[in-house]
Amino acid sequence: MSAEGMLWMNGKSHLAESIAVKKAKTTNQDW
């Protein structure tokens, strides 16, 4: 895989991680 591809994959997983964190925080606030 190219360096650009690896950066793209890293960015994508990081984005998914932050979305999951935001969802978790929102869920915790609802409770």
PDB file of N, CA and C in Angstrom:
ATOM      1  N   MET A   1       0.855  -1.205   0.000  1.00  0.00           N
ATOM      2  CA  MET A   1       0.000   0.000   0.000  1.00  0.00           C
ATOM      3  C   MET A   1       0.887   1.249   0.000  1.00  0.00           C
ATOM      4  N   SER A   2       0.457   2.256  -0.707  1.00  0.00           N
ATOM      5  CA  SER A   2       1.249   3.495  -0.765  1.00  0.00           C
ATOM      6  C   SER A   2       1.150   4.264   0.545  1.00  0.00           C
ATOM      7  N   ALA A   3       2.090   5.183   0.744  1.00  0.00           N
ATOM      8  CA  ALA A   3       2.068   6.002   1.960  1.00  0.00           C
ATOM      9  C   ALA A   3       0.782   6.813   2.022  1.00  0.00           C
ATOM     10  N   GLU A   4       0.353   7.306   0.870  1.00  0.00           N
ATOM     11  CA  GLU A   4      -0.891   8.096   0.846  1.00  0.00           C
ATOM     12  C   GLU A   4      -2.070   7.238   1.268  1.00  0.00           C
ATOM     13  N   GLY A   5      -2.094   6.003   0.782  1.00  0.00           N
ATOM     14  CA  GLY A   5      -3.179   5.090   1.137  1.00  0.00           C
ATOM     15  C   GLY A   5      -3.199   4.811   2.628  1.00  0.00           C
ATOM     16  N   MET A   6      -1.999   4.639   3.212  1.00  0.00           N
ATOM     17  CA  MET A   6      -1.932   4.377   4.647  1.00  0.00           C
ATOM     18  C   MET A   6      -2.419   5.580   5.437  1.00  0.00           C
ATOM     19  N   LEU A   7      -2.033   6.781   5.002  1.00  0.00           N
ATOM     20  CA  LEU A   7      -2.491   7.997   5.683  1.00  0.00           C
ATOM     21  C   LEU A   7      -4.008   8.091   5.600  1.00  0.00           C
ATOM     22  N   TRP A   8      -4.557   7.766   4.416  1.00  0.00           N
ATOM     23  CA  TRP A   8      -6.001   7.852   4.224  1.00  0.00           C
ATOM     24  C   TRP A   8      -6.723   6.874   5.154  1.00  0.00           C
ATOM     25  N   MET A   9      -6.178   5.637   5.246  1.00  0.00           N
ATOM     26  CA  MET A   9      -6.796   4.644   6.112  1.00  0.00           C
ATOM     27  C   MET A   9      -6.712   5.083   7.574  1.00  0.00           C
ATOM     28  N   ASN A  10      -5.567   5.629   7.970  1.00  0.00           N
ATOM     29  CA  ASN A  10      -5.397   6.099   9.351  1.00  0.00           C
ATOM     30  C   ASN A  10      -6.392   7.213   9.641  1.00  0.00           C
ATOM     31  N   GLY A  11      -6.541   8.142   8.725  1.00  0.00           N
ATOM     32  CA  GLY A  11      -7.473   9.246   8.917  1.00  0.00           C
ATOM     33  C   GLY A  11      -8.901   8.742   9.010  1.00  0.00           C
ATOM     34  N   LYS A  12      -9.217   7.738   8.179  1.00  0.00           N
ATOM     35  CA  LYS A  12     -10.569   7.204   8.168  1.00  0.00           C
ATOM     36  C   LYS A  12     -10.888   6.535   9.502  1.00  0.00           C
ATOM     37  N   SER A  13      -9.963   5.712  10.001  1.00  0.00           N
ATOM     38  CA  SER A  13     -10.216   5.023  11.270  1.00  0.00           C
ATOM     39  C   SER A  13     -10.255   6.024  12.419  1.00  0.00           C
ATOM     40  N   HIS A  14      -9.434   7.075  12.326  1.00  0.00           N
ATOM     41  CA  HIS A  14      -9.440   8.093  13.377  1.00  0.00           C
ATOM     42  C   HIS A  14     -10.785   8.812  13.393  1.00  0.00           C
ATOM     43  N   LEU A  15     -11.311   9.081  12.200  1.00  0.00           N
ATOM     44  CA  LEU A  15     -12.609   9.762  12.109  1.00  0.00           C
ATOM     45  C   LEU A  15     -13.696   8.886  12.713  1.00  0.00           C
ATOM     46  N   ALA A  16     -13.675   7.602  12.373  1.00  0.00           N
ATOM     47  CA  ALA A  16     -14.677   6.678  12.917  1.00  0.00           C
ATOM     48  C   ALA A  16     -14.562   6.608  14.435  1.00  0.00           C
ATOM     49  N   GLU A  17     -13.325   6.665  14.924  1.00  0.00           N
ATOM     50  CA  GLU A  17     -13.102   6.590  16.374  1.00  0.00           C
ATOM     51  C   GLU A  17     -13.714   7.806  17.061  1.00  0.00           C
ATOM     52  N   SER A  18     -13.477   8.997  16.509  1.00  0.00           N
ATOM     53  CA  SER A  18     -13.998  10.208  17.146  1.00  0.00           C
ATOM     54  C   SER A  18     -15.521  10.239  17.070  1.00  0.00           C
ATOM     55  N   ILE A  19     -16.089   9.693  15.990  1.00  0.00           N
ATOM     56  CA  ILE A  19     -17.556   9.641  15.895  1.00  0.00           C
ATOM     57  C   ILE A  19     -18.098   8.724  16.988  1.00  0.00           C
ATOM     58  N   ALA A  20     -17.418   7.583  17.196  1.00  0.00           N
ATOM     59  CA  ALA A  20     -17.853   6.634  18.226  1.00  0.00           C
ATOM     60  C   ALA A  20     -17.751   7.281  19.601  1.00  0.00           C
ATOM     61  N   VAL A  21     -16.698   8.053  19.815  1.00  0.00           N
ATOM     62  CA  VAL A  21     -16.514   8.727  21.107  1.00  0.00           C
ATOM     63  C   VAL A  21     -17.629   9.742  21.320  1.00  0.00           C
ATOM     64  N   LYS A  22     -17.948  10.492  20.270  1.00  0.00           N
ATOM     65  CA  LYS A  22     -19.022  11.485  20.391  1.00  0.00           C
ATOM     66  C   LYS A  22     -20.343  10.799  20.702  1.00  0.00           C
ATOM     67  N   LYS A  23     -20.617   9.678  20.027  1.00  0.00           N
ATOM     68  CA  LYS A  23     -21.860   8.951  20.269  1.00  0.00           C
ATOM     69  C   LYS A  23     -21.901   8.451  21.704  1.00  0.00           C
ATOM     70  N   ALA A  24     -20.768   7.940  22.183  1.00  0.00           N
ATOM     71  CA  ALA A  24     -20.717   7.414  23.550  1.00  0.00           C
ATOM     72  C   ALA A  24     -20.979   8.534  24.552  1.00  0.00           C
ATOM     73  N   LYS A  25     -20.372   9.690  24.306  1.00  0.00           N
ATOM     74  CA  LYS A  25     -20.563  10.816  25.217  1.00  0.00           C
ATOM     75  C   LYS A  25     -22.021  11.262  25.211  1.00  0.00           C
ATOM     76  N   THR A  26     -22.635  11.307  24.030  1.00  0.00           N
ATOM     77  CA  THR A  26     -24.032  11.725  23.941  1.00  0.00           C
ATOM     78  C   THR A  26     -24.924  10.731  24.676  1.00  0.00           C
ATOM     79  N   THR A  27     -24.625   9.442  24.503  1.00  0.00           N
ATOM     80  CA  THR A  27     -25.421   8.416  25.180  1.00  0.00           C
ATOM     81  C   THR A  27     -25.298   8.564  26.683  1.00  0.00           C
ATOM     82  N   ASN A  28     -24.091   8.808  27.152  1.00  0.00           N
ATOM     83  CA  ASN A  28     -23.876   8.961  28.597  1.00  0.00           C
ATOM     84  C   ASN A  28     -24.635  10.181  29.120  1.00  0.00           C
ATOM     85  N   GLN A  29     -24.676  11.232  28.337  1.00  0.00           N
ATOM     86  CA  GLN A  29     -25.381  12.437  28.775  1.00  0.00           C
ATOM     87  C   GLN A  29     -26.887  12.175  28.850  1.00  0.00           C
ATOM     88  N   ASP A  30     -27.403  11.351  27.926  1.00  0.00           N
ATOM     89  CA  ASP A  30     -28.828  11.043  27.934  1.00  0.00           C
ATOM     90  C   ASP A  30     -29.217  10.334  29.225  1.00  0.00           C
ATOM     91  N   TRP A  31     -28.342   9.479  29.711  1.00  0.00           N
ATOM     92  CA  TRP A  31     -28.629   8.778  30.949  1.00  0.00           C
ATOM     93  C   TRP A  31     -28.494   9.724  32.112  1.00  0.00           C
TER      94      TRP A  31
END
